[in-house]
C-alpha cells in the first residue's frame, strides 16, 4: 500500500489550508537550519467528510491506459516513482519523483474564472548520491488550473510546472520523467517491464475495518530505466530499475494510526516484494498491514499482518531534532519461509519538506533455506517526526 512513495510517504494532504501554501511555496529544498513540517501523512487519508466523493468499496477491473490518468472524483491520488540507478563505472544513485493530487471539494468546478479549480497538486523530487553519501530533496505546489498542474491520458502526461511524466499517446509507457531544481535534475526513460500488479484483493487495498477504508492500488515493480542524473551540477549517464505505485482513494485510513513503514524490494532473481506495516498510535502493528510477493513469471502471493515479523536492528537520529527512525531491519515472512536483512545506502535520506518523512534507497540480502539472493529497493517511513498533535490537519499525506 503506500498507505509513498505514496505518501499516508504522502498521500499528501493538501487540504483547505494548502490554498495559502500554494501562493508561497515552490521548489523548496531540504534545509537543515529549520524544521519545515506543516502537514501530516496519516491524517491525509483519514476520516473526514466524504460527502460527494467516490470511495473504494469493492474490487473493480483496472482499465488501461485510462487508469494511468487521474480520478478526480476521489479525494486523493498519487503517481509514485522510485528507482536505483548506476553509472558504467559503478557509481550508484537513488531517485524519487512523486505527484500528488488532492481534491479541495467534490464535483467539477463550474465558475468561469480560468483560476478556478477544485484540485491542488504537490510534487516531491529527491536524489541520493550513494558514493558521496549526499541526499537532496525538493517540493512544489500548484493549483490544477491554467495548465500549471494536471494529468491527461491521451497523451499520457502528469505535470506540475516543468516537472513531468510524459508517455506514449496510445499505451502510456514507456514514459519519460523529468524534474530539475537548482543544479540537480533527472531525465529518465522508463519501460513498462513486468506486468502490472493489482495490490490487495484484485486492486482493492483495504486499510481498515470500515467500508471505504480502502484504496485502488496497482504497482509496476520492475521497470528498466535509462537516462541521466545531474547532481549538484555534475551529469551522470545511468541505467537501472524503477518502481511505480499508483493509488487513489477517499478516506482510506482508519483513525488511530500514527504512520506506516513501506518496503519495495527487487531481488536479483527477477522477483519483487512489497510490504507495508501500518503502525497504530500505541505502537502495535495494525491487522490491516500486509503485502505481495511477485514471482519471476509475474504471479503474485499475498500475505497479511499475521504472516509478517519486522525486527528493527538499528536506528538513525535526525540532525534536525533527534527524531529517531529505524535504519536497519530484518523482515520475516512465514508463508514464504523468507528472511530479509535490509539497510539504507545512505543513513540520512530524510525529506524535511511540508511533509517530513524518511524515504530512501536501500540494499538487502534474503535467505530461504540454503538459498540467498540480493536486493535493491526503497523504504518509506512516516509518522516518526514530531508529536502526534502535529499530525492533525493542516492535512498530510499518506502513502
Foldseek 3Di string as FASTA:
>chain_A
DLLVVVVLCDLFFCEPVVVVVQVPDFWDKDDLPAFQAQAAAQQRLADDDCPQADFDFDADADDPPVLVFDDQSFFKKKKKKKWWKAFPVGWIKIKIKMKMKGFHDHDADDDPDQQDARIKMKMKIKMAGLVVLDIMITMHIHGPGPPQFHADVQQGKGDHHPFIWTAHRPGRPQIWTWDDHDQKIWTKTWGQPDDKAQPDPNQWQAADDDRRLTKRKIKRQWIWMWGWIGDNNRIGTIIGTMMIIIITGHSNHYPQWLGKKWWWKQWPVQKIKIWMFTAGPVRDTDFSTWIWIADNNRDIDTDTPVQKDKDQDDWDADPNPGQIDRAWIWMAGNVQQKIKIKGFSRRPQWGSHNFTWHKGKMKMWMDRPPDIIIIITMMITGNRDDDPVSHDDVHTHGD
